[in-house]
Amino acid sequence: MDKVNGDSGSSCELLQAQTQVYNCTFNFLNSMALKCAIQLGIPDLIHNHGQPMTLSKLVTALNIIPNKADSLRRIMRVLAHSGFFTRQKITSENYEQEEVFLTPASKLLLKDKPLKAAPFINLILYPILSDPFHLMSTWFQNDDPTLFETANGKTFWDCVAQQPKLNNLFYDAMTPTLSTVAKAIASAFPHIKCTVFDLPHIVVDKLQGTTKTDNLEFLGGDMFEAIPSADAVLLKWIIHDWGDEESVKILKRCKEAIPSREKGGKVIILDIVIEENKKEDDKETMEGQLCFDIMMMGLFNTGKERSVQEWKKLFLEAGFSHFNINPVLGLRSLIELYP
């Protein structure tokens, strides 16, 4: 065993630890490379091309300055390593080129796909949201409710209402989520009536008229005051915005809106359930859940991702008698909640 700086440990272990430090430090560059690819429109360009594209064709199509062509290659290399593209060497007339393929991850970045991830990425990496996390240590030693307020002097929701750029980014990120789910449910079950319910100035005003079906409508209101009567209420990424007191109130309003369990009433929740004893091969899912939790901590006063026990506490306080949690949606779980 070697001793380095007074610490006992093998050289291999120390070098591996150093790599871990570097990788964590530079992780933000993966995010910035991804944002760059989205802003340049690379996924859509390859998709519309109908087949893999060589880097030289990408450079030409994107009007990249010739002396920066190699820089684009390096950006695509790190994104391929992260799983957003696949690279393949091809040889033609003794000339070696590289083709770039889309992957399932990069297909989520396409503009015309229902599950569009690009607007969410653009929102989260917008400086007014990402910059506050440089001030985390400062926030721990002041009285500000959130990191966001430490950096901006206002709440997230105040800035959304007052800043047109942030407002548009937020709508672009949230609207596809609501409209896609609503359209899917209304299309799959044409015999039931679906209502999208949210604050008028947050989402509903943007959705009015976007979808014309007999069984889908958009209704503005305040869930803290009352929720329209329904056989079932679906909450997608709602509860994690709020602290325990507000969440219990929301769940009580849901309970008031649905019939008894015997008559089929239930609440369906799509949200993160953190399970810290996950297997090692599920480490990526856990990392995503924990990072979401830090994001909620930074943006909202009492927003958080919850464990099974924390969810159970909310359900019992809200007067629900039974629930099922099924981790079948990647980072999120499907929770069925019965009165």
C-alpha atoms as a PDB file:
ATOM      1  CA  MET A   1       0.000   0.000   0.000  1.00  0.00           C
ATOM      2  CA  ASP A   2       1.230   3.472  -0.859  1.00  0.00           C
ATOM      3  CA  LYS A   3       0.779   6.539   1.224  1.00  0.00           C
ATOM      4  CA  VAL A   4      -0.074   9.720  -0.653  1.00  0.00           C
ATOM      5  CA  ASN A   5      -0.428  12.989   1.303  1.00  0.00           C
ATOM      6  CA  GLY A   6      -0.619  10.957   4.490  1.00  0.00           C
ATOM      7  CA  ASP A   7      -3.651   8.916   3.382  1.00  0.00           C
ATOM      8  CA  SER A   8      -3.515   5.162   3.077  1.00  0.00           C
ATOM      9  CA  GLY A   9      -4.758   3.744  -0.200  1.00  0.00           C
ATOM     10  CA  SER A  10      -3.587   2.160  -3.444  1.00  0.00           C
ATOM     11  CA  SER A  11      -2.512   4.339  -6.357  1.00  0.00           C
ATOM     12  CA  CYS A  12      -5.283   2.783  -8.432  1.00  0.00           C
ATOM     13  CA  GLU A  13      -7.931   3.770  -5.888  1.00  0.00           C
ATOM     14  CA  LEU A  14      -6.625   7.312  -5.674  1.00  0.00           C
ATOM     15  CA  LEU A  15      -6.544   7.726  -9.443  1.00  0.00           C
ATOM     16  CA  GLN A  16     -10.081   6.376  -9.680  1.00  0.00           C
ATOM     17  CA  ALA A  17     -11.158   8.846  -6.997  1.00  0.00           C
ATOM     18  CA  GLN A  18      -9.515  11.656  -8.947  1.00  0.00           C
ATOM     19  CA  THR A  19     -11.430  10.609 -12.070  1.00  0.00           C
ATOM     20  CA  GLN A  20     -14.659  10.674 -10.079  1.00  0.00           C
ATOM     21  CA  VAL A  21     -13.892  14.235  -8.937  1.00  0.00           C
ATOM     22  CA  TYR A  22     -13.133  15.376 -12.478  1.00  0.00           C
ATOM     23  CA  ASN A  23     -16.228  13.729 -13.939  1.00  0.00           C
ATOM     24  CA  CYS A  24     -18.533  15.316 -11.367  1.00  0.00           C
ATOM     25  CA  THR A  25     -16.871  18.700 -11.896  1.00  0.00           C
ATOM     26  CA  PHE A  26     -17.271  18.581 -15.657  1.00  0.00           C
ATOM     27  CA  ASN A  27     -20.781  17.094 -15.812  1.00  0.00           C
ATOM     28  CA  PHE A  28     -22.204  20.531 -16.596  1.00  0.00           C
ATOM     29  CA  LEU A  29     -20.368  20.436 -19.935  1.00  0.00           C
ATOM     30  CA  ASN A  30     -22.512  17.476 -21.016  1.00  0.00           C
ATOM     31  CA  SER A  31     -25.563  19.633 -20.354  1.00  0.00           C
ATOM     32  CA  MET A  32     -24.119  22.573 -22.268  1.00  0.00           C
ATOM     33  CA  ALA A  33     -23.177  20.357 -25.227  1.00  0.00           C
ATOM     34  CA  LEU A  34     -26.726  18.990 -25.279  1.00  0.00           C
ATOM     35  CA  LYS A  35     -28.196  22.496 -25.170  1.00  0.00           C
ATOM     36  CA  CYS A  36     -25.902  23.487 -28.058  1.00  0.00           C
ATOM     37  CA  ALA A  37     -27.078  20.541 -30.175  1.00  0.00           C
ATOM     38  CA  ILE A  38     -30.705  21.491 -29.522  1.00  0.00           C
ATOM     39  CA  GLN A  39     -30.151  25.159 -30.383  1.00  0.00           C
ATOM     40  CA  LEU A  40     -28.344  24.221 -33.602  1.00  0.00           C
ATOM     41  CA  GLY A  41     -31.200  21.856 -34.460  1.00  0.00           C
ATOM     42  CA  ILE A  42     -28.929  18.838 -34.978  1.00  0.00           C
ATOM     43  CA  PRO A  43     -31.434  16.096 -34.016  1.00  0.00           C
ATOM     44  CA  ASP A  44     -34.100  17.467 -36.384  1.00  0.00           C
ATOM     45  CA  LEU A  45     -31.531  17.981 -39.125  1.00  0.00           C
ATOM     46  CA  ILE A  46     -30.464  14.331 -39.019  1.00  0.00           C
ATOM     47  CA  HIS A  47     -34.074  13.157 -38.692  1.00  0.00           C
ATOM     48  CA  ASN A  48     -35.234  15.225 -41.681  1.00  0.00           C
ATOM     49  CA  HIS A  49     -32.265  13.991 -43.711  1.00  0.00           C
ATOM     50  CA  GLY A  50     -33.843  10.530 -43.517  1.00  0.00           C
ATOM     51  CA  GLN A  51     -30.577   8.745 -42.851  1.00  0.00           C
ATOM     52  CA  PRO A  52     -27.363   9.163 -40.863  1.00  0.00           C
ATOM     53  CA  MET A  53     -25.331  12.248 -41.740  1.00  0.00           C
ATOM     54  CA  THR A  54     -21.599  12.618 -42.077  1.00  0.00           C
ATOM     55  CA  LEU A  55     -19.945  15.310 -40.021  1.00  0.00           C
ATOM     56  CA  SER A  56     -19.004  17.147 -43.195  1.00  0.00           C
ATOM     57  CA  LYS A  57     -22.672  17.307 -44.228  1.00  0.00           C
ATOM     58  CA  LEU A  58     -23.607  18.517 -40.752  1.00  0.00           C
ATOM     59  CA  VAL A  59     -20.998  21.263 -40.962  1.00  0.00           C
ATOM     60  CA  THR A  60     -22.335  22.374 -44.338  1.00  0.00           C
ATOM     61  CA  ALA A  61     -26.006  22.212 -43.349  1.00  0.00           C
ATOM     62  CA  LEU A  62     -25.393  24.181 -40.147  1.00  0.00           C
ATOM     63  CA  ASN A  63     -23.208  26.823 -41.837  1.00  0.00           C
ATOM     64  CA  ILE A  64     -20.431  26.055 -39.375  1.00  0.00           C
ATOM     65  CA  ILE A  65     -17.314  28.163 -39.912  1.00  0.00           C
ATOM     66  CA  PRO A  66     -14.768  25.765 -41.487  1.00  0.00           C
ATOM     67  CA  ASN A  67     -12.122  26.242 -38.816  1.00  0.00           C
ATOM     68  CA  LYS A  68     -14.691  25.167 -36.174  1.00  0.00           C
ATOM     69  CA  ALA A  69     -15.615  21.907 -37.893  1.00  0.00           C
ATOM     70  CA  ASP A  70     -13.337  19.927 -35.602  1.00  0.00           C
ATOM     71  CA  SER A  71     -14.957  21.550 -32.580  1.00  0.00           C
ATOM     72  CA  LEU A  72     -18.334  20.244 -33.763  1.00  0.00           C
ATOM     73  CA  ARG A  73     -16.789  16.779 -34.047  1.00  0.00           C
ATOM     74  CA  ARG A  74     -15.669  17.037 -30.433  1.00  0.00           C
ATOM     75  CA  ILE A  75     -19.132  18.138 -29.288  1.00  0.00           C
ATOM     76  CA  MET A  76     -20.711  15.207 -31.110  1.00  0.00           C
ATOM     77  CA  ARG A  77     -18.128  12.858 -29.593  1.00  0.00           C
ATOM     78  CA  VAL A  78     -19.047  13.752 -26.014  1.00  0.00           C
ATOM     79  CA  LEU A  79     -22.776  13.551 -26.830  1.00  0.00           C
ATOM     80  CA  ALA A  80     -22.241  10.138 -28.407  1.00  0.00           C
ATOM     81  CA  HIS A  81     -20.442   9.032 -25.257  1.00  0.00           C
ATOM     82  CA  SER A  82     -23.495  10.214 -23.269  1.00  0.00           C
ATOM     83  CA  GLY A  83     -25.781   8.153 -25.494  1.00  0.00           C
ATOM     84  CA  PHE A  84     -27.457  10.919 -27.488  1.00  0.00           C
ATOM     85  CA  PHE A  85     -25.915   9.934 -30.821  1.00  0.00           C
ATOM     86  CA  THR A  86     -24.110   6.986 -32.350  1.00  0.00           C
ATOM     87  CA  ARG A  87     -20.972   7.454 -34.423  1.00  0.00           C
ATOM     88  CA  GLN A  88     -19.743   5.105 -37.107  1.00  0.00           C
ATOM     89  CA  LYS A  89     -16.628   5.266 -39.274  1.00  0.00           C
ATOM     90  CA  ILE A  90     -17.128   4.769 -43.018  1.00  0.00           C
ATOM     91  CA  THR A  91     -14.515   4.495 -45.768  1.00  0.00           C
ATOM     92  CA  SER A  92     -15.228   5.675 -49.302  1.00  0.00           C
ATOM     93  CA  GLU A  93     -12.603   5.894 -52.039  1.00  0.00           C
ATOM     94  CA  ASN A  94      -9.841   5.666 -49.456  1.00  0.00           C
ATOM     95  CA  TYR A  95     -11.370   8.572 -47.590  1.00  0.00           C
ATOM     96  CA  GLU A  96     -12.530   7.915 -44.038  1.00  0.00           C
ATOM     97  CA  GLN A  97     -15.552   9.793 -42.728  1.00  0.00           C
ATOM     98  CA  GLU A  98     -17.807   9.548 -39.726  1.00  0.00           C
ATOM     99  CA  GLU A  99     -21.579   9.175 -39.811  1.00  0.00           C
ATOM    100  CA  VAL A 100     -23.834  10.288 -36.978  1.00  0.00           C
ATOM    101  CA  PHE A 101     -27.015   8.370 -36.059  1.00  0.00           C
ATOM    102  CA  LEU A 102     -29.908   9.318 -33.828  1.00  0.00           C
ATOM    103  CA  THR A 103     -30.579   7.282 -30.682  1.00  0.00           C
ATOM    104  CA  PRO A 104     -33.787   6.921 -28.616  1.00  0.00           C
ATOM    105  CA  ALA A 105     -32.506   9.757 -26.399  1.00  0.00           C
ATOM    106  CA  SER A 106     -31.927  12.193 -29.260  1.00  0.00           C
ATOM    107  CA  LYS A 107     -35.302  11.289 -30.785  1.00  0.00           C
ATOM    108  CA  LEU A 108     -36.876  12.781 -27.650  1.00  0.00           C
ATOM    109  CA  LEU A 109     -35.334  16.096 -28.721  1.00  0.00           C
ATOM    110  CA  LEU A 110     -37.217  16.252 -32.043  1.00  0.00           C
ATOM    111  CA  LYS A 111     -39.647  19.142 -32.425  1.00  0.00           C
ATOM    112  CA  ASP A 112     -42.534  17.137 -33.870  1.00  0.00           C
ATOM    113  CA  LYS A 113     -42.578  14.330 -31.303  1.00  0.00           C
ATOM    114  CA  PRO A 114     -45.300  14.283 -28.611  1.00  0.00           C
ATOM    115  CA  LEU A 115     -42.862  13.677 -25.755  1.00  0.00           C
ATOM    116  CA  LYS A 116     -40.668  16.677 -26.458  1.00  0.00           C
ATOM    117  CA  ALA A 117     -37.714  16.992 -24.077  1.00  0.00           C
ATOM    118  CA  ALA A 118     -36.024  19.995 -25.706  1.00  0.00           C
ATOM    119  CA  PRO A 119     -38.335  22.669 -24.184  1.00  0.00           C
ATOM    120  CA  PHE A 120     -37.728  21.256 -20.701  1.00  0.00           C
ATOM    121  CA  ILE A 121     -33.955  21.278 -21.245  1.00  0.00           C
ATOM    122  CA  ASN A 122     -34.086  24.863 -22.515  1.00  0.00           C
ATOM    123  CA  LEU A 123     -36.030  25.891 -19.407  1.00  0.00           C
ATOM    124  CA  ILE A 124     -33.832  24.157 -16.840  1.00  0.00           C
ATOM    125  CA  LEU A 125     -30.601  25.390 -18.457  1.00  0.00           C
ATOM    126  CA  TYR A 126     -31.854  28.968 -18.819  1.00  0.00           C
ATOM    127  CA  PRO A 127     -29.403  31.082 -16.744  1.00  0.00           C
ATOM    128  CA  ILE A 128     -32.042  32.489 -14.385  1.00  0.00           C
ATOM    129  CA  LEU A 129     -32.734  28.891 -13.274  1.00  0.00           C
ATOM    130  CA  SER A 130     -29.226  27.443 -13.401  1.00  0.00           C
ATOM    131  CA  ASP A 131     -27.228  30.390 -11.979  1.00  0.00           C
ATOM    132  CA  PRO A 132     -28.784  30.243  -8.470  1.00  0.00           C
ATOM    133  CA  PHE A 133     -27.074  26.912  -7.786  1.00  0.00           C
ATOM    134  CA  HIS A 134     -23.725  28.706  -7.691  1.00  0.00           C
ATOM    135  CA  LEU A 135     -25.021  30.312  -4.486  1.00  0.00           C
ATOM    136  CA  MET A 136     -25.990  27.160  -2.614  1.00  0.00           C
ATOM    137  CA  SER A 137     -23.470  27.629   0.211  1.00  0.00           C
ATOM    138  CA  THR A 138     -24.581  31.272   0.616  1.00  0.00           C
ATOM    139  CA  TRP A 139     -28.232  30.210   0.795  1.00  0.00           C
ATOM    140  CA  PHE A 140     -27.548  27.764   3.607  1.00  0.00           C
ATOM    141  CA  GLN A 141     -26.365  30.688   5.728  1.00  0.00           C
ATOM    142  CA  ASN A 142     -29.141  33.212   5.019  1.00  0.00           C
ATOM    143  CA  ASP A 143     -32.884  33.435   5.633  1.00  0.00           C
ATOM    144  CA  ASP A 144     -34.037  33.335   1.992  1.00  0.00           C
ATOM    145  CA  PRO A 145     -36.732  30.682   1.388  1.00  0.00           C
ATOM    146  CA  THR A 146     -35.156  29.478  -1.874  1.00  0.00           C
ATOM    147  CA  LEU A 147     -31.939  29.604  -3.838  1.00  0.00           C
ATOM    148  CA  PHE A 148     -33.883  31.241  -6.630  1.00  0.00           C
ATOM    149  CA  GLU A 149     -34.793  34.149  -4.368  1.00  0.00           C
ATOM    150  CA  THR A 150     -31.209  34.505  -3.175  1.00  0.00           C
ATOM    151  CA  ALA A 151     -30.104  34.949  -6.790  1.00  0.00           C
ATOM    152  CA  ASN A 152     -33.046  36.917  -8.173  1.00  0.00           C
ATOM    153  CA  GLY A 153     -34.727  38.665  -5.240  1.00  0.00           C
ATOM    154  CA  LYS A 154     -38.118  37.279  -6.340  1.00  0.00           C
ATOM    155  CA  THR A 155     -39.938  33.967  -6.343  1.00  0.00           C
ATOM    156  CA  PHE A 156     -39.843  31.737  -9.388  1.00  0.00           C
ATOM    157  CA  TRP A 157     -43.541  32.340 -10.042  1.00  0.00           C
ATOM    158  CA  ASP A 158     -43.118  36.128  -9.841  1.00  0.00           C
ATOM    159  CA  CYS A 159     -40.370  35.961 -12.453  1.00  0.00           C
ATOM    160  CA  VAL A 160     -42.466  33.717 -14.698  1.00  0.00           C
ATOM    161  CA  ALA A 161     -45.253  36.299 -14.565  1.00  0.00           C
ATOM    162  CA  GLN A 162     -42.978  39.306 -15.113  1.00  0.00           C
ATOM    163  CA  GLN A 163     -40.335  38.136 -17.595  1.00  0.00           C
ATOM    164  CA  PRO A 164     -41.622  37.321 -21.112  1.00  0.00           C
ATOM    165  CA  LYS A 165     -38.631  35.139 -22.038  1.00  0.00           C
ATOM    166  CA  LEU A 166     -38.941  32.957 -18.932  1.00  0.00           C
ATOM    167  CA  ASN A 167     -42.725  32.955 -19.330  1.00  0.00           C
ATOM    168  CA  ASN A 168     -42.456  31.572 -22.863  1.00  0.00           C
ATOM    169  CA  LEU A 169     -39.846  28.984 -21.888  1.00  0.00           C
ATOM    170  CA  PHE A 170     -42.036  27.807 -19.027  1.00  0.00           C
ATOM    171  CA  TYR A 171     -45.135  27.516 -21.233  1.00  0.00           C
ATOM    172  CA  ASP A 172     -43.154  25.694 -23.919  1.00  0.00           C
ATOM    173  CA  ALA A 173     -41.867  23.197 -21.347  1.00  0.00           C
ATOM    174  CA  MET A 174     -45.172  22.613 -19.507  1.00  0.00           C
ATOM    175  CA  THR A 175     -47.782  22.819 -22.274  1.00  0.00           C
ATOM    176  CA  PRO A 176     -46.662  19.748 -24.281  1.00  0.00           C
ATOM    177  CA  THR A 177     -46.766  17.637 -21.119  1.00  0.00           C
ATOM    178  CA  LEU A 178     -50.357  18.565 -20.340  1.00  0.00           C
ATOM    179  CA  SER A 179     -51.665  18.524 -23.887  1.00  0.00           C
ATOM    180  CA  THR A 180     -49.961  15.218 -24.758  1.00  0.00           C
ATOM    181  CA  VAL A 181     -51.376  13.405 -21.719  1.00  0.00           C
ATOM    182  CA  ALA A 182     -54.838  14.902 -22.266  1.00  0.00           C
ATOM    183  CA  LYS A 183     -54.872  14.008 -25.956  1.00  0.00           C
ATOM    184  CA  ALA A 184     -53.675  10.464 -25.262  1.00  0.00           C
ATOM    185  CA  ILE A 185     -56.343   9.804 -22.636  1.00  0.00           C
ATOM    186  CA  ALA A 186     -59.145  11.394 -24.669  1.00  0.00           C
ATOM    187  CA  SER A 187     -58.114   9.452 -27.774  1.00  0.00           C
ATOM    188  CA  ALA A 188     -57.733   6.104 -26.005  1.00  0.00           C
ATOM    189  CA  PHE A 189     -61.034   6.454 -24.134  1.00  0.00           C
ATOM    190  CA  PRO A 190     -63.450   8.367 -26.405  1.00  0.00           C
ATOM    191  CA  HIS A 191     -66.391   7.388 -24.208  1.00  0.00           C
ATOM    192  CA  ILE A 192     -65.174   9.377 -21.195  1.00  0.00           C
ATOM    193  CA  LYS A 193     -65.012  13.135 -20.695  1.00  0.00           C
ATOM    194  CA  CYS A 194     -61.565  14.591 -19.928  1.00  0.00           C
ATOM    195  CA  THR A 195     -60.905  17.997 -18.401  1.00  0.00           C
ATOM    196  CA  VAL A 196     -57.519  19.721 -18.102  1.00  0.00           C
ATOM    197  CA  PHE A 197     -57.742  21.866 -14.966  1.00  0.00           C
ATOM    198  CA  ASP A 198     -55.125  24.477 -14.033  1.00  0.00           C
ATOM    199  CA  LEU A 199     -54.638  28.168 -13.309  1.00  0.00           C
ATOM    200  CA  PRO A 200     -55.796  30.156 -16.343  1.00  0.00           C
ATOM    201  CA  HIS A 201     -52.680  32.305 -16.620  1.00  0.00           C
ATOM    202  CA  ILE A 202     -50.304  29.382 -16.130  1.00  0.00           C
ATOM    203  CA  VAL A 203     -51.354  26.842 -18.736  1.00  0.00           C
ATOM    204  CA  VAL A 204     -55.012  26.703 -19.666  1.00  0.00           C
ATOM    205  CA  ASP A 205     -55.124  29.972 -21.637  1.00  0.00           C
ATOM    206  CA  LYS A 206     -52.325  28.622 -23.808  1.00  0.00           C
ATOM    207  CA  LEU A 207     -54.147  25.363 -24.456  1.00  0.00           C
ATOM    208  CA  GLN A 208     -57.603  26.652 -25.310  1.00  0.00           C
ATOM    209  CA  GLY A 209     -58.385  25.720 -28.893  1.00  0.00           C
ATOM    210  CA  THR A 210     -55.253  23.587 -29.393  1.00  0.00           C
ATOM    211  CA  THR A 211     -57.223  20.358 -29.422  1.00  0.00           C
ATOM    212  CA  LYS A 212     -60.733  19.974 -30.802  1.00  0.00           C
ATOM    213  CA  THR A 213     -62.419  16.809 -29.570  1.00  0.00           C
ATOM    214  CA  ASP A 214     -65.852  16.163 -28.176  1.00  0.00           C
ATOM    215  CA  ASN A 215     -64.537  14.630 -24.958  1.00  0.00           C
ATOM    216  CA  LEU A 216     -61.686  17.034 -24.047  1.00  0.00           C
ATOM    217  CA  GLU A 217     -61.976  20.485 -22.522  1.00  0.00           C
ATOM    218  CA  PHE A 218     -59.716  22.977 -20.735  1.00  0.00           C
ATOM    219  CA  LEU A 219     -60.898  24.629 -17.559  1.00  0.00           C
ATOM    220  CA  GLY A 220     -59.270  27.371 -15.501  1.00  0.00           C
ATOM    221  CA  GLY A 221     -59.453  27.418 -11.714  1.00  0.00           C
ATOM    222  CA  ASP A 222     -57.561  27.059  -8.444  1.00  0.00           C
ATOM    223  CA  MET A 223     -57.016  23.547  -7.075  1.00  0.00           C
ATOM    224  CA  PHE A 224     -56.592  24.912  -3.549  1.00  0.00           C
ATOM    225  CA  GLU A 225     -60.173  26.183  -3.628  1.00  0.00           C
ATOM    226  CA  ALA A 226     -62.024  23.407  -5.445  1.00  0.00           C
ATOM    227  CA  ILE A 227     -61.530  20.713  -8.075  1.00  0.00           C
ATOM    228  CA  PRO A 228     -64.355  19.865 -10.508  1.00  0.00           C
ATOM    229  CA  SER A 229     -66.226  16.645  -9.774  1.00  0.00           C
ATOM    230  CA  ALA A 230     -64.811  13.614 -11.559  1.00  0.00           C
ATOM    231  CA  ASP A 231     -64.661   9.838 -11.381  1.00  0.00           C
ATOM    232  CA  ALA A 232     -60.872  10.102 -11.200  1.00  0.00           C
ATOM    233  CA  VAL A 233     -58.316  12.894 -10.792  1.00  0.00           C
ATOM    234  CA  LEU A 234     -54.869  12.715 -12.411  1.00  0.00           C
ATOM    235  CA  LEU A 235     -52.017  14.738 -10.892  1.00  0.00           C
ATOM    236  CA  LYS A 236     -48.894  14.734 -13.044  1.00  0.00           C
ATOM    237  CA  TRP A 237     -45.841  16.371 -11.473  1.00  0.00           C
ATOM    238  CA  ILE A 238     -48.020  18.514  -9.215  1.00  0.00           C
ATOM    239  CA  ILE A 239     -47.410  17.433  -5.619  1.00  0.00           C
ATOM    240  CA  HIS A 240     -43.614  17.758  -5.830  1.00  0.00           C
ATOM    241  CA  ASP A 241     -44.024  21.533  -6.252  1.00  0.00           C
ATOM    242  CA  TRP A 242     -45.508  21.844  -2.769  1.00  0.00           C
ATOM    243  CA  GLY A 243     -44.730  21.277   0.894  1.00  0.00           C
ATOM    244  CA  ASP A 244     -46.619  18.837   3.099  1.00  0.00           C
ATOM    245  CA  GLU A 245     -49.295  21.277   4.263  1.00  0.00           C
ATOM    246  CA  GLU A 246     -50.184  22.425   0.746  1.00  0.00           C
ATOM    247  CA  SER A 247     -49.983  18.869  -0.611  1.00  0.00           C
ATOM    248  CA  VAL A 248     -52.438  17.571   1.986  1.00  0.00           C
ATOM    249  CA  LYS A 249     -54.816  20.384   1.062  1.00  0.00           C
ATOM    250  CA  ILE A 250     -54.570  19.499  -2.642  1.00  0.00           C
ATOM    251  CA  LEU A 251     -55.221  15.834  -1.898  1.00  0.00           C
ATOM    252  CA  LYS A 252     -58.217  16.696   0.283  1.00  0.00           C
ATOM    253  CA  ARG A 253     -59.684  18.734  -2.593  1.00  0.00           C
ATOM    254  CA  CYS A 254     -59.143  15.719  -4.851  1.00  0.00           C
ATOM    255  CA  LYS A 255     -60.916  13.478  -2.354  1.00  0.00           C
ATOM    256  CA  GLU A 256     -63.868  15.883  -2.280  1.00  0.00           C
ATOM    257  CA  ALA A 257     -64.072  15.777  -6.079  1.00  0.00           C
ATOM    258  CA  ILE A 258     -64.306  11.993  -6.526  1.00  0.00           C
ATOM    259  CA  PRO A 259     -66.886   9.378  -5.482  1.00  0.00           C
ATOM    260  CA  SER A 260     -66.249   6.643  -2.918  1.00  0.00           C
ATOM    261  CA  ARG A 261     -63.916   3.758  -3.619  1.00  0.00           C
ATOM    262  CA  GLU A 262     -66.930   1.448  -3.993  1.00  0.00           C
ATOM    263  CA  LYS A 263     -68.174   3.663  -6.819  1.00  0.00           C
ATOM    264  CA  GLY A 264     -64.800   3.667  -8.555  1.00  0.00           C
ATOM    265  CA  GLY A 265     -63.339   6.932  -7.269  1.00  0.00           C
ATOM    266  CA  LYS A 266     -59.560   7.296  -7.188  1.00  0.00           C
ATOM    267  CA  VAL A 267     -56.674   9.725  -7.576  1.00  0.00           C
ATOM    268  CA  ILE A 268     -53.847   8.883  -9.968  1.00  0.00           C
ATOM    269  CA  ILE A 269     -50.480  10.496  -9.268  1.00  0.00           C
ATOM    270  CA  LEU A 270     -47.505  10.525 -11.637  1.00  0.00           C
ATOM    271  CA  ASP A 271     -44.536  11.672  -9.596  1.00  0.00           C
ATOM    272  CA  ILE A 272     -41.157  10.643  -8.251  1.00  0.00           C
ATOM    273  CA  VAL A 273     -40.935   8.180  -5.374  1.00  0.00           C
ATOM    274  CA  ILE A 274     -37.384   8.004  -4.015  1.00  0.00           C
ATOM    275  CA  GLU A 275     -36.230   4.551  -2.953  1.00  0.00           C
ATOM    276  CA  GLU A 276     -32.727   4.857  -1.540  1.00  0.00           C
ATOM    277  CA  ASN A 277     -32.212   1.088  -1.374  1.00  0.00           C
ATOM    278  CA  LYS A 278     -32.363   0.680  -5.146  1.00  0.00           C
ATOM    279  CA  LYS A 279     -30.047  -1.854  -6.760  1.00  0.00           C
ATOM    280  CA  GLU A 280     -26.670  -0.752  -8.074  1.00  0.00           C
ATOM    281  CA  ASP A 281     -27.807  -1.312 -11.668  1.00  0.00           C
ATOM    282  CA  ASP A 282     -30.531   1.308 -11.101  1.00  0.00           C
ATOM    283  CA  LYS A 283     -28.026   3.961 -10.025  1.00  0.00           C
ATOM    284  CA  GLU A 284     -28.853   6.198 -13.017  1.00  0.00           C
ATOM    285  CA  THR A 285     -32.529   6.370 -12.032  1.00  0.00           C
ATOM    286  CA  MET A 286     -31.629   7.234  -8.459  1.00  0.00           C
ATOM    287  CA  GLU A 287     -29.249   9.968  -9.630  1.00  0.00           C
ATOM    288  CA  GLY A 288     -32.000  11.532 -11.723  1.00  0.00           C
ATOM    289  CA  GLN A 289     -34.451  11.442  -8.814  1.00  0.00           C
ATOM    290  CA  LEU A 290     -31.989  13.001  -6.374  1.00  0.00           C
ATOM    291  CA  CYS A 291     -31.073  15.753  -8.854  1.00  0.00           C
ATOM    292  CA  PHE A 292     -34.764  16.519  -9.363  1.00  0.00           C
ATOM    293  CA  ASP A 293     -35.065  16.855  -5.597  1.00  0.00           C
ATOM    294  CA  ILE A 294     -32.239  19.412  -5.480  1.00  0.00           C
ATOM    295  CA  MET A 295     -33.862  21.325  -8.346  1.00  0.00           C
ATOM    296  CA  MET A 296     -37.152  21.488  -6.443  1.00  0.00           C
ATOM    297  CA  MET A 297     -35.311  22.633  -3.325  1.00  0.00           C
ATOM    298  CA  GLY A 298     -33.666  25.429  -5.265  1.00  0.00           C
ATOM    299  CA  LEU A 299     -36.730  26.756  -7.064  1.00  0.00           C
ATOM    300  CA  PHE A 300     -39.625  26.337  -4.661  1.00  0.00           C
ATOM    301  CA  ASN A 301     -39.916  27.129  -0.987  1.00  0.00           C
ATOM    302  CA  THR A 302     -41.192  23.719   0.085  1.00  0.00           C
ATOM    303  CA  GLY A 303     -40.996  21.676  -3.124  1.00  0.00           C
ATOM    304  CA  LYS A 304     -39.444  18.235  -2.774  1.00  0.00           C
ATOM    305  CA  GLU A 305     -39.334  14.676  -4.051  1.00  0.00           C
ATOM    306  CA  ARG A 306     -40.601  12.169  -1.487  1.00  0.00           C
ATOM    307  CA  SER A 307     -39.874   8.679  -0.218  1.00  0.00           C
ATOM    308  CA  VAL A 308     -42.546   5.986   0.162  1.00  0.00           C
ATOM    309  CA  GLN A 309     -42.968   6.841   3.840  1.00  0.00           C
ATOM    310  CA  GLU A 310     -43.305  10.563   3.101  1.00  0.00           C
ATOM    311  CA  TRP A 311     -45.976   9.851   0.496  1.00  0.00           C
ATOM    312  CA  LYS A 312     -47.807   7.543   2.911  1.00  0.00           C
ATOM    313  CA  LYS A 313     -47.853  10.278   5.549  1.00  0.00           C
ATOM    314  CA  LEU A 314     -49.497  12.703   3.090  1.00  0.00           C
ATOM    315  CA  PHE A 315     -52.117  10.163   2.035  1.00  0.00           C
ATOM    316  CA  LEU A 316     -53.129   9.304   5.580  1.00  0.00           C
ATOM    317  CA  GLU A 317     -53.358  12.956   6.623  1.00  0.00           C
ATOM    318  CA  ALA A 318     -55.542  13.673   3.598  1.00  0.00           C
ATOM    319  CA  GLY A 319     -57.954  10.902   4.603  1.00  0.00           C
ATOM    320  CA  PHE A 320     -57.134   8.237   2.006  1.00  0.00           C
ATOM    321  CA  SER A 321     -57.324   4.619   3.075  1.00  0.00           C
ATOM    322  CA  HIS A 322     -55.255   2.728   0.518  1.00  0.00           C
ATOM    323  CA  PHE A 323     -52.617   3.295  -2.158  1.00  0.00           C
ATOM    324  CA  ASN A 324     -50.478   1.383  -4.650  1.00  0.00           C
ATOM    325  CA  ILE A 325     -47.088   2.561  -5.913  1.00  0.00           C
ATOM    326  CA  ASN A 326     -45.780   1.121  -9.186  1.00  0.00           C
ATOM    327  CA  PRO A 327     -42.314   2.312 -10.361  1.00  0.00           C
ATOM    328  CA  VAL A 328     -43.075   1.779 -14.047  1.00  0.00           C
ATOM    329  CA  LEU A 329     -42.386   5.231 -15.540  1.00  0.00           C
ATOM    330  CA  GLY A 330     -38.633   5.639 -15.402  1.00  0.00           C
ATOM    331  CA  LEU A 331     -37.828   8.293 -12.813  1.00  0.00           C
ATOM    332  CA  ARG A 332     -41.494   8.536 -11.869  1.00  0.00           C
ATOM    333  CA  SER A 333     -43.972   6.121 -10.383  1.00  0.00           C
ATOM    334  CA  LEU A 334     -47.653   5.507 -10.986  1.00  0.00           C
ATOM    335  CA  ILE A 335     -49.504   5.951  -7.694  1.00  0.00           C
ATOM    336  CA  GLU A 336     -53.136   4.861  -7.326  1.00  0.00           C
ATOM    337  CA  LEU A 337     -54.844   6.443  -4.352  1.00  0.00           C
ATOM    338  CA  TYR A 338     -58.242   5.406  -3.017  1.00  0.00           C
ATOM    339  CA  PRO A 339     -60.604   7.166  -0.549  1.00  0.00           C
END
